[in-house]
Amino acid sequence: MTVVTFASAFPVGFDVFKAARASTVENELKPLRSQLTGTKNKLSESLSMVTDLRQRLSRADAIRSKRPWKNLMATLTAKMPQEVWLTSLESYDHAPKATVRRAATKEEEKSDTIELEGPAGLRLTGFALEHEQLLAFMAALNDGVLFNRVDMVKSGQVPLADGVAVRFVLECTW
């Protein structure tokens, strides 16, 4: 074998070796690429879940901070005469206004700020033994500390045990 033949055979053998090694590396990369794709998908799902959870936490914080319900109930109880009792307490909204809503700007769409409109007030339903006690309760509620306005929506006498009671519905606006 001459030097020329050996020199010309060496690059061919080296090319075959490189091709075989490249094939082996490619075969090793296929499962790794598949794992990488799966990992990227899981990461994307996890990031989506984190975003969703952050939004839920923001909404929960906003709702919790809107009205301190425990304090509200304590205040209502303190202002209520003994001869008055509630059968229902619910929040209410004013009737929606007919307005044209504008499209959100790009900054507003990307904003993490969550704005919630709370209820306009409370609707209290209950009974009083006498009209005077109901009026005293309304005056206590209408002191401007808790509500801006207290309106009697409905009242009427209903039979109760040995006598009558005053059934009422009040709307108390913040």
N, C-alpha and C. Protein backbone atom coordinates (compact mmCIF):
# COMPACT_ATOMS: atom_id res chain seq x y z
N MET A 1 0.85 -1.16 0.00
CA MET A 1 0.00 0.00 0.00
C MET A 1 0.90 1.22 0.00
N THR A 2 0.57 2.11 -0.81
CA THR A 2 1.40 3.30 -0.93
C THR A 2 0.86 4.37 0.01
N VAL A 3 1.64 5.39 0.17
CA VAL A 3 1.27 6.50 1.04
C VAL A 3 0.06 7.22 0.47
N VAL A 4 -0.03 7.31 -0.83
CA VAL A 4 -1.14 8.01 -1.48
C VAL A 4 -2.44 7.24 -1.24
N THR A 5 -2.41 5.92 -1.35
CA THR A 5 -3.61 5.11 -1.16
C THR A 5 -4.07 5.23 0.29
N PHE A 6 -3.13 5.18 1.25
CA PHE A 6 -3.48 5.29 2.66
C PHE A 6 -4.07 6.66 2.96
N ALA A 7 -3.48 7.70 2.40
CA ALA A 7 -3.94 9.06 2.63
C ALA A 7 -5.33 9.27 2.05
N SER A 8 -5.62 8.65 0.91
CA SER A 8 -6.94 8.82 0.31
C SER A 8 -7.97 7.96 1.03
N ALA A 9 -7.62 6.86 1.64
CA ALA A 9 -8.54 5.99 2.35
C ALA A 9 -8.88 6.58 3.73
N PHE A 10 -7.95 7.31 4.32
CA PHE A 10 -8.16 7.87 5.65
C PHE A 10 -9.35 8.83 5.70
N PRO A 11 -9.48 9.80 4.78
CA PRO A 11 -10.65 10.69 4.83
C PRO A 11 -11.96 9.94 4.64
N VAL A 12 -11.98 8.91 3.79
CA VAL A 12 -13.21 8.15 3.56
C VAL A 12 -13.60 7.43 4.85
N GLY A 13 -12.64 6.81 5.50
CA GLY A 13 -12.90 6.11 6.75
C GLY A 13 -13.34 7.08 7.84
N PHE A 14 -12.73 8.25 7.86
CA PHE A 14 -13.09 9.26 8.85
C PHE A 14 -14.51 9.77 8.60
N ASP A 15 -14.89 9.95 7.34
CA ASP A 15 -16.24 10.39 6.99
C ASP A 15 -17.27 9.35 7.40
N VAL A 16 -16.95 8.08 7.22
CA VAL A 16 -17.86 7.00 7.62
C VAL A 16 -18.02 7.02 9.14
N PHE A 17 -16.92 7.21 9.85
CA PHE A 17 -16.97 7.27 11.32
C PHE A 17 -17.83 8.45 11.78
N LYS A 18 -17.63 9.64 11.14
CA LYS A 18 -18.41 10.83 11.50
C LYS A 18 -19.90 10.60 11.24
N ALA A 19 -20.22 9.97 10.12
CA ALA A 19 -21.62 9.72 9.78
C ALA A 19 -22.25 8.76 10.79
N ALA A 20 -21.51 7.73 11.18
CA ALA A 20 -22.03 6.76 12.15
C ALA A 20 -22.23 7.44 13.51
N ARG A 21 -21.27 8.26 13.90
CA ARG A 21 -21.37 8.96 15.19
C ARG A 21 -22.51 9.97 15.17
N ALA A 22 -22.68 10.67 14.05
CA ALA A 22 -23.77 11.64 13.92
C ALA A 22 -25.11 10.93 14.02
N SER A 23 -25.22 9.76 13.41
CA SER A 23 -26.45 8.97 13.47
C SER A 23 -26.74 8.55 14.91
N THR A 24 -25.70 8.14 15.62
CA THR A 24 -25.86 7.72 17.02
C THR A 24 -26.31 8.91 17.88
N VAL A 25 -25.66 10.05 17.68
CA VAL A 25 -26.02 11.25 18.44
C VAL A 25 -27.45 11.67 18.11
N GLU A 26 -27.83 11.59 16.85
CA GLU A 26 -29.19 11.95 16.43
C GLU A 26 -30.21 11.03 17.11
N ASN A 27 -29.90 9.74 17.18
CA ASN A 27 -30.80 8.78 17.84
C ASN A 27 -30.91 9.08 19.34
N GLU A 28 -29.82 9.54 19.95
CA GLU A 28 -29.84 9.90 21.37
C GLU A 28 -30.63 11.20 21.58
N LEU A 29 -30.61 12.09 20.59
CA LEU A 29 -31.29 13.37 20.72
C LEU A 29 -32.81 13.25 20.58
N LYS A 30 -33.31 12.28 19.82
CA LYS A 30 -34.76 12.15 19.59
C LYS A 30 -35.55 12.06 20.89
N PRO A 31 -35.20 11.15 21.82
CA PRO A 31 -35.98 11.11 23.06
C PRO A 31 -35.79 12.38 23.91
N LEU A 32 -34.60 12.97 23.84
CA LEU A 32 -34.36 14.20 24.60
C LEU A 32 -35.20 15.35 24.06
N ARG A 33 -35.33 15.42 22.74
CA ARG A 33 -36.18 16.47 22.14
C ARG A 33 -37.64 16.25 22.54
N SER A 34 -38.06 15.00 22.56
CA SER A 34 -39.42 14.68 22.97
C SER A 34 -39.65 15.09 24.42
N GLN A 35 -38.68 14.79 25.29
CA GLN A 35 -38.78 15.19 26.69
C GLN A 35 -38.79 16.70 26.83
N LEU A 36 -37.98 17.38 26.03
CA LEU A 36 -37.93 18.84 26.07
C LEU A 36 -39.28 19.43 25.68
N THR A 37 -39.90 18.88 24.65
CA THR A 37 -41.22 19.35 24.22
C THR A 37 -42.23 19.15 25.34
N GLY A 38 -42.21 17.97 25.96
CA GLY A 38 -43.12 17.71 27.08
C GLY A 38 -42.88 18.65 28.24
N THR A 39 -41.62 18.91 28.55
CA THR A 39 -41.27 19.81 29.64
C THR A 39 -41.72 21.23 29.33
N LYS A 40 -41.54 21.66 28.08
CA LYS A 40 -41.99 23.01 27.69
C LYS A 40 -43.51 23.12 27.83
N ASN A 41 -44.23 22.06 27.43
CA ASN A 41 -45.69 22.07 27.56
C ASN A 41 -46.10 22.16 29.03
N LYS A 42 -45.43 21.37 29.89
CA LYS A 42 -45.74 21.41 31.32
C LYS A 42 -45.42 22.79 31.90
N LEU A 43 -44.32 23.39 31.48
CA LEU A 43 -43.96 24.72 31.95
C LEU A 43 -45.02 25.73 31.54
N SER A 44 -45.47 25.64 30.30
CA SER A 44 -46.50 26.55 29.80
C SER A 44 -47.79 26.39 30.61
N GLU A 45 -48.18 25.13 30.88
CA GLU A 45 -49.38 24.88 31.68
C GLU A 45 -49.20 25.44 33.09
N SER A 46 -48.02 25.23 33.67
CA SER A 46 -47.76 25.71 35.02
C SER A 46 -47.81 27.23 35.08
N LEU A 47 -47.23 27.90 34.09
CA LEU A 47 -47.27 29.36 34.06
C LEU A 47 -48.70 29.86 33.90
N SER A 48 -49.48 29.16 33.10
CA SER A 48 -50.88 29.52 32.94
C SER A 48 -51.64 29.36 34.26
N MET A 49 -51.35 28.27 34.97
CA MET A 49 -51.98 28.04 36.27
C MET A 49 -51.57 29.11 37.28
N VAL A 50 -50.31 29.50 37.27
CA VAL A 50 -49.83 30.54 38.18
C VAL A 50 -50.55 31.85 37.89
N THR A 51 -50.69 32.20 36.62
CA THR A 51 -51.40 33.43 36.25
C THR A 51 -52.84 33.37 36.71
N ASP A 52 -53.50 32.23 36.48
CA ASP A 52 -54.89 32.06 36.90
C ASP A 52 -55.02 32.18 38.42
N LEU A 53 -54.12 31.54 39.15
CA LEU A 53 -54.17 31.61 40.61
C LEU A 53 -53.93 33.02 41.12
N ARG A 54 -53.00 33.74 40.49
CA ARG A 54 -52.76 35.12 40.90
C ARG A 54 -53.99 35.99 40.68
N GLN A 55 -54.67 35.77 39.55
CA GLN A 55 -55.89 36.53 39.28
C GLN A 55 -56.98 36.19 40.30
N ARG A 56 -57.11 34.91 40.63
CA ARG A 56 -58.10 34.51 41.63
C ARG A 56 -57.79 35.13 42.99
N LEU A 57 -56.52 35.12 43.37
CA LEU A 57 -56.13 35.73 44.64
C LEU A 57 -56.41 37.22 44.64
N SER A 58 -56.15 37.89 43.53
CA SER A 58 -56.43 39.32 43.43
C SER A 58 -57.92 39.59 43.57
N ARG A 59 -58.74 38.76 42.90
CA ARG A 59 -60.19 38.93 43.02
C ARG A 59 -60.65 38.69 44.45
N ALA A 60 -60.12 37.64 45.07
CA ALA A 60 -60.50 37.34 46.46
C ALA A 60 -60.10 38.48 47.39
N ASP A 61 -58.91 39.02 47.21
CA ASP A 61 -58.47 40.16 48.03
C ASP A 61 -59.37 41.37 47.81
N ALA A 62 -59.73 41.61 46.56
CA ALA A 62 -60.59 42.75 46.25
C ALA A 62 -61.96 42.56 46.89
N ILE A 63 -62.49 41.35 46.84
CA ILE A 63 -63.81 41.09 47.43
C ILE A 63 -63.73 41.22 48.95
N ARG A 64 -62.69 40.65 49.54
CA ARG A 64 -62.54 40.72 51.00
C ARG A 64 -62.42 42.16 51.48
N SER A 65 -61.76 42.99 50.71
CA SER A 65 -61.54 44.36 51.15
C SER A 65 -62.70 45.28 50.82
N LYS A 66 -63.66 44.84 50.03
CA LYS A 66 -64.78 45.71 49.66
C LYS A 66 -65.62 46.10 50.86
N ARG A 67 -66.00 45.16 51.68
CA ARG A 67 -66.83 45.42 52.85
C ARG A 67 -66.39 44.50 53.98
N PRO A 68 -66.14 45.03 55.14
CA PRO A 68 -65.83 44.16 56.28
C PRO A 68 -67.14 43.60 56.85
N TRP A 69 -67.59 42.47 56.34
CA TRP A 69 -68.91 41.93 56.67
C TRP A 69 -69.07 41.63 58.15
N LYS A 70 -68.04 41.15 58.78
CA LYS A 70 -68.15 40.84 60.22
C LYS A 70 -68.46 42.11 61.00
N ASN A 71 -67.76 43.19 60.70
CA ASN A 71 -68.01 44.46 61.38
C ASN A 71 -69.39 45.01 61.04
N LEU A 72 -69.81 44.82 59.80
CA LEU A 72 -71.12 45.28 59.37
C LEU A 72 -72.21 44.58 60.18
N MET A 73 -72.09 43.26 60.33
CA MET A 73 -73.09 42.51 61.09
C MET A 73 -73.11 42.94 62.55
N ALA A 74 -71.93 43.17 63.12
CA ALA A 74 -71.86 43.61 64.51
C ALA A 74 -72.52 44.98 64.68
N THR A 75 -72.31 45.88 63.73
CA THR A 75 -72.90 47.21 63.80
C THR A 75 -74.42 47.14 63.66
N LEU A 76 -74.90 46.32 62.72
CA LEU A 76 -76.35 46.15 62.56
C LEU A 76 -76.97 45.62 63.85
N THR A 77 -76.32 44.64 64.44
CA THR A 77 -76.83 44.05 65.69
C THR A 77 -76.87 45.09 66.80
N ALA A 78 -75.84 45.91 66.90
CA ALA A 78 -75.79 46.93 67.95
C ALA A 78 -76.87 48.00 67.76
N LYS A 79 -77.22 48.31 66.52
CA LYS A 79 -78.20 49.36 66.25
C LYS A 79 -79.64 48.85 66.29
N MET A 80 -79.83 47.54 66.29
CA MET A 80 -81.16 46.96 66.20
C MET A 80 -81.82 46.87 67.58
N PRO A 81 -83.02 47.48 67.73
CA PRO A 81 -83.74 47.33 68.99
C PRO A 81 -84.09 45.85 69.24
N GLN A 82 -84.31 45.52 70.49
CA GLN A 82 -84.58 44.13 70.85
C GLN A 82 -85.88 43.64 70.24
N GLU A 83 -86.81 44.53 69.98
CA GLU A 83 -88.12 44.14 69.44
C GLU A 83 -88.13 44.07 67.92
N VAL A 84 -86.96 44.19 67.30
CA VAL A 84 -86.82 44.10 65.84
C VAL A 84 -85.93 42.92 65.53
N TRP A 85 -86.29 42.12 64.52
CA TRP A 85 -85.42 41.02 64.09
C TRP A 85 -85.44 40.91 62.58
N LEU A 86 -84.34 40.46 62.04
CA LEU A 86 -84.19 40.34 60.59
C LEU A 86 -84.41 38.90 60.16
N THR A 87 -85.08 38.75 59.03
CA THR A 87 -85.25 37.41 58.44
C THR A 87 -84.41 37.25 57.18
N SER A 88 -83.96 38.37 56.62
CA SER A 88 -83.17 38.30 55.39
C SER A 88 -82.29 39.54 55.29
N LEU A 89 -81.10 39.31 54.79
CA LEU A 89 -80.15 40.40 54.55
C LEU A 89 -79.49 40.07 53.22
N GLU A 90 -79.58 40.98 52.26
CA GLU A 90 -78.96 40.72 50.96
C GLU A 90 -78.40 42.02 50.39
N SER A 91 -77.33 41.88 49.64
CA SER A 91 -76.79 43.05 48.97
C SER A 91 -77.56 43.24 47.67
N TYR A 92 -77.61 44.47 47.21
CA TYR A 92 -78.30 44.74 45.95
C TYR A 92 -77.53 45.79 45.17
N ASP A 93 -77.78 45.81 43.88
CA ASP A 93 -77.18 46.80 42.99
C ASP A 93 -78.29 47.67 42.45
N HIS A 94 -77.92 48.89 42.12
CA HIS A 94 -78.89 49.74 41.42
C HIS A 94 -79.10 49.18 40.03
N ALA A 95 -80.20 49.53 39.41
CA ALA A 95 -80.45 49.08 38.05
C ALA A 95 -79.33 49.58 37.15
N PRO A 96 -78.85 48.74 36.24
CA PRO A 96 -77.75 49.18 35.37
C PRO A 96 -78.18 50.34 34.49
N LYS A 97 -77.28 51.28 34.28
CA LYS A 97 -77.55 52.43 33.43
C LYS A 97 -77.29 52.06 31.98
N ALA A 98 -78.05 52.66 31.09
CA ALA A 98 -77.86 52.42 29.66
C ALA A 98 -76.70 53.28 29.20
N THR A 99 -75.53 52.70 29.12
CA THR A 99 -74.35 53.43 28.67
C THR A 99 -73.67 52.64 27.58
N VAL A 100 -72.95 53.37 26.75
CA VAL A 100 -72.17 52.72 25.70
C VAL A 100 -70.80 52.45 26.28
N ARG A 101 -70.38 51.22 26.23
CA ARG A 101 -69.09 50.84 26.80
C ARG A 101 -68.02 50.93 25.72
N ARG A 102 -66.92 51.62 26.04
CA ARG A 102 -65.84 51.76 25.08
C ARG A 102 -64.94 50.53 25.13
N ALA A 103 -64.21 50.33 24.05
CA ALA A 103 -63.26 49.20 23.99
C ALA A 103 -62.06 49.51 24.88
N ALA A 104 -61.50 48.46 25.47
CA ALA A 104 -60.33 48.61 26.35
C ALA A 104 -59.10 48.95 25.52
N THR A 105 -58.24 49.80 26.08
CA THR A 105 -56.98 50.11 25.41
C THR A 105 -56.00 48.96 25.63
N LYS A 106 -54.90 48.98 24.89
CA LYS A 106 -53.88 47.92 25.02
C LYS A 106 -53.33 47.88 26.45
N GLU A 107 -53.10 49.07 27.05
CA GLU A 107 -52.58 49.10 28.41
C GLU A 107 -53.57 48.50 29.39
N GLU A 108 -54.87 48.80 29.18
CA GLU A 108 -55.89 48.26 30.08
C GLU A 108 -56.01 46.75 29.94
N GLU A 109 -55.84 46.23 28.72
CA GLU A 109 -55.91 44.78 28.51
C GLU A 109 -54.76 44.07 29.20
N LYS A 110 -53.58 44.70 29.21
CA LYS A 110 -52.40 44.07 29.80
C LYS A 110 -52.31 44.30 31.30
N SER A 111 -53.12 45.18 31.83
CA SER A 111 -53.03 45.56 33.24
C SER A 111 -53.41 44.40 34.15
N ASP A 112 -52.71 44.27 35.28
CA ASP A 112 -53.02 43.27 36.28
C ASP A 112 -54.05 43.78 37.29
N THR A 113 -54.44 45.04 37.15
CA THR A 113 -55.38 45.64 38.09
C THR A 113 -56.77 45.08 37.85
N ILE A 114 -57.42 44.73 38.95
CA ILE A 114 -58.79 44.21 38.87
C ILE A 114 -59.68 45.20 39.60
N GLU A 115 -60.69 45.69 38.91
CA GLU A 115 -61.63 46.61 39.53
C GLU A 115 -62.97 45.92 39.65
N LEU A 116 -63.48 45.89 40.86
CA LEU A 116 -64.78 45.30 41.11
C LEU A 116 -65.72 46.37 41.63
N GLU A 117 -66.91 46.37 41.12
CA GLU A 117 -67.90 47.27 41.66
C GLU A 117 -68.68 46.49 42.70
N GLY A 118 -68.74 47.02 43.88
CA GLY A 118 -69.45 46.35 44.96
C GLY A 118 -70.93 46.65 44.89
N PRO A 119 -71.67 46.05 45.79
CA PRO A 119 -73.10 46.30 45.82
C PRO A 119 -73.39 47.75 46.23
N ALA A 120 -74.57 48.23 45.82
CA ALA A 120 -74.96 49.60 46.14
C ALA A 120 -75.39 49.73 47.59
N GLY A 121 -75.82 48.62 48.18
CA GLY A 121 -76.28 48.68 49.56
C GLY A 121 -76.83 47.34 50.01
N LEU A 122 -77.59 47.40 51.10
CA LEU A 122 -78.19 46.20 51.67
C LEU A 122 -79.70 46.32 51.66
N ARG A 123 -80.35 45.19 51.45
CA ARG A 123 -81.80 45.11 51.57
C ARG A 123 -82.07 44.26 52.82
N LEU A 124 -82.71 44.87 53.80
CA LEU A 124 -83.00 44.19 55.06
C LEU A 124 -84.48 43.87 55.11
N THR A 125 -84.81 42.63 55.39
CA THR A 125 -86.20 42.20 55.54
C THR A 125 -86.34 41.66 56.95
N GLY A 126 -87.44 42.02 57.60
CA GLY A 126 -87.62 41.52 58.96
C GLY A 126 -88.95 41.93 59.55
N PHE A 127 -89.01 41.83 60.88
CA PHE A 127 -90.23 42.13 61.62
C PHE A 127 -89.90 43.04 62.80
N ALA A 128 -90.89 43.83 63.18
CA ALA A 128 -90.82 44.64 64.40
C ALA A 128 -92.16 44.48 65.11
N LEU A 129 -92.13 44.56 66.44
CA LEU A 129 -93.39 44.42 67.17
C LEU A 129 -94.26 45.66 67.03
N GLU A 130 -93.63 46.82 66.88
CA GLU A 130 -94.36 48.09 66.74
C GLU A 130 -93.70 48.95 65.67
N HIS A 131 -94.48 49.86 65.08
CA HIS A 131 -93.93 50.79 64.09
C HIS A 131 -92.84 51.68 64.70
N GLU A 132 -93.03 52.08 65.96
CA GLU A 132 -92.07 52.96 66.61
C GLU A 132 -90.68 52.32 66.68
N GLN A 133 -90.65 51.01 66.95
CA GLN A 133 -89.36 50.31 67.03
C GLN A 133 -88.69 50.24 65.66
N LEU A 134 -89.51 50.05 64.62
CA LEU A 134 -88.97 50.04 63.26
C LEU A 134 -88.40 51.42 62.91
N LEU A 135 -89.13 52.48 63.27
CA LEU A 135 -88.65 53.84 62.99
C LEU A 135 -87.38 54.15 63.78
N ALA A 136 -87.27 53.65 65.00
CA ALA A 136 -86.05 53.85 65.79
C ALA A 136 -84.87 53.12 65.14
N PHE A 137 -85.12 51.93 64.62
CA PHE A 137 -84.08 51.17 63.92
C PHE A 137 -83.62 51.92 62.67
N MET A 138 -84.59 52.45 61.90
CA MET A 138 -84.25 53.21 60.70
C MET A 138 -83.44 54.45 61.05
N ALA A 139 -83.81 55.14 62.12
CA ALA A 139 -83.08 56.35 62.53
C ALA A 139 -81.65 55.99 62.94
N ALA A 140 -81.49 54.87 63.64
CA ALA A 140 -80.14 54.44 64.05
C ALA A 140 -79.29 54.09 62.84
N LEU A 141 -79.90 53.47 61.84
CA LEU A 141 -79.15 53.11 60.62
C LEU A 141 -78.83 54.34 59.77
N ASN A 142 -79.69 55.34 59.84
CA ASN A 142 -79.57 56.52 58.99
C ASN A 142 -78.69 57.61 59.61
N ASP A 143 -77.82 57.24 60.54
CA ASP A 143 -76.98 58.24 61.22
C ASP A 143 -75.79 58.69 60.37
N GLY A 144 -75.61 58.13 59.18
CA GLY A 144 -74.54 58.55 58.28
C GLY A 144 -73.22 57.83 58.51
N VAL A 145 -73.12 57.05 59.57
CA VAL A 145 -71.88 56.32 59.84
C VAL A 145 -71.79 55.09 58.94
N LEU A 146 -72.86 54.34 58.89
CA LEU A 146 -72.86 53.10 58.12
C LEU A 146 -73.46 53.28 56.73
N PHE A 147 -74.58 53.97 56.67
CA PHE A 147 -75.29 54.14 55.40
C PHE A 147 -75.50 55.62 55.11
N ASN A 148 -75.57 55.95 53.82
CA ASN A 148 -75.88 57.32 53.41
C ASN A 148 -77.38 57.57 53.42
N ARG A 149 -78.14 56.49 53.20
CA ARG A 149 -79.59 56.63 53.07
C ARG A 149 -80.26 55.33 53.44
N VAL A 150 -81.40 55.42 54.14
CA VAL A 150 -82.19 54.24 54.50
C VAL A 150 -83.62 54.51 54.04
N ASP A 151 -84.14 53.67 53.16
CA ASP A 151 -85.50 53.84 52.64
C ASP A 151 -86.35 52.63 53.02
N MET A 152 -87.59 52.91 53.41
CA MET A 152 -88.54 51.83 53.66
C MET A 152 -89.20 51.51 52.32
N VAL A 153 -88.98 50.31 51.83
CA VAL A 153 -89.53 49.90 50.55
C VAL A 153 -90.93 49.35 50.74
N LYS A 154 -91.13 48.63 51.83
CA LYS A 154 -92.42 48.00 52.07
C LYS A 154 -92.59 47.79 53.57
N SER A 155 -93.81 47.96 54.04
CA SER A 155 -94.13 47.59 55.42
C SER A 155 -95.62 47.29 55.50
N GLY A 156 -95.96 46.46 56.42
CA GLY A 156 -97.36 46.10 56.61
C GLY A 156 -97.50 45.21 57.83
N GLN A 157 -98.70 45.18 58.37
CA GLN A 157 -98.95 44.37 59.55
C GLN A 157 -99.31 42.95 59.15
N VAL A 158 -98.79 42.02 59.92
CA VAL A 158 -99.07 40.60 59.70
C VAL A 158 -99.41 39.97 61.04
N PRO A 159 -100.32 38.98 61.04
CA PRO A 159 -100.65 38.32 62.31
C PRO A 159 -99.44 37.56 62.86
N LEU A 160 -99.26 37.64 64.17
CA LEU A 160 -98.13 36.97 64.81
C LEU A 160 -98.57 36.53 66.20
N ALA A 161 -98.60 35.24 66.44
CA ALA A 161 -98.97 34.66 67.74
C ALA A 161 -100.26 35.30 68.25
N ASP A 162 -100.19 36.06 69.36
CA ASP A 162 -101.40 36.64 69.96
C ASP A 162 -101.70 38.05 69.47
N GLY A 163 -100.91 38.55 68.53
CA GLY A 163 -101.13 39.92 68.08
C GLY A 163 -100.70 40.10 66.63
N VAL A 164 -100.15 41.26 66.36
CA VAL A 164 -99.66 41.56 65.02
C VAL A 164 -98.23 42.07 65.11
N ALA A 165 -97.53 41.95 64.00
CA ALA A 165 -96.17 42.48 63.90
C ALA A 165 -96.08 43.28 62.61
N VAL A 166 -95.08 44.10 62.52
CA VAL A 166 -94.85 44.89 61.32
C VAL A 166 -93.77 44.19 60.50
N ARG A 167 -94.17 43.76 59.31
CA ARG A 167 -93.18 43.16 58.39
C ARG A 167 -92.65 44.29 57.53
N PHE A 168 -91.32 44.33 57.34
CA PHE A 168 -90.73 45.47 56.62
C PHE A 168 -89.63 45.01 55.67
N VAL A 169 -89.38 45.88 54.68
CA VAL A 169 -88.23 45.74 53.78
C VAL A 169 -87.58 47.12 53.72
N LEU A 170 -86.30 47.18 54.08
CA LEU A 170 -85.54 48.43 54.04
C LEU A 170 -84.42 48.30 53.01
N GLU A 171 -84.18 49.38 52.29
CA GLU A 171 -83.01 49.44 51.41
C GLU A 171 -82.06 50.49 51.97
N CYS A 172 -80.87 50.03 52.31
CA CYS A 172 -79.86 50.88 52.94
C CYS A 172 -78.72 51.07 51.94
N THR A 173 -78.50 52.31 51.52
CA THR A 173 -77.49 52.61 50.50
C THR A 173 -76.22 53.10 51.16
N TRP A 174 -75.07 52.62 50.67
CA TRP A 174 -73.77 53.02 51.24
C TRP A 174 -73.57 54.50 51.04
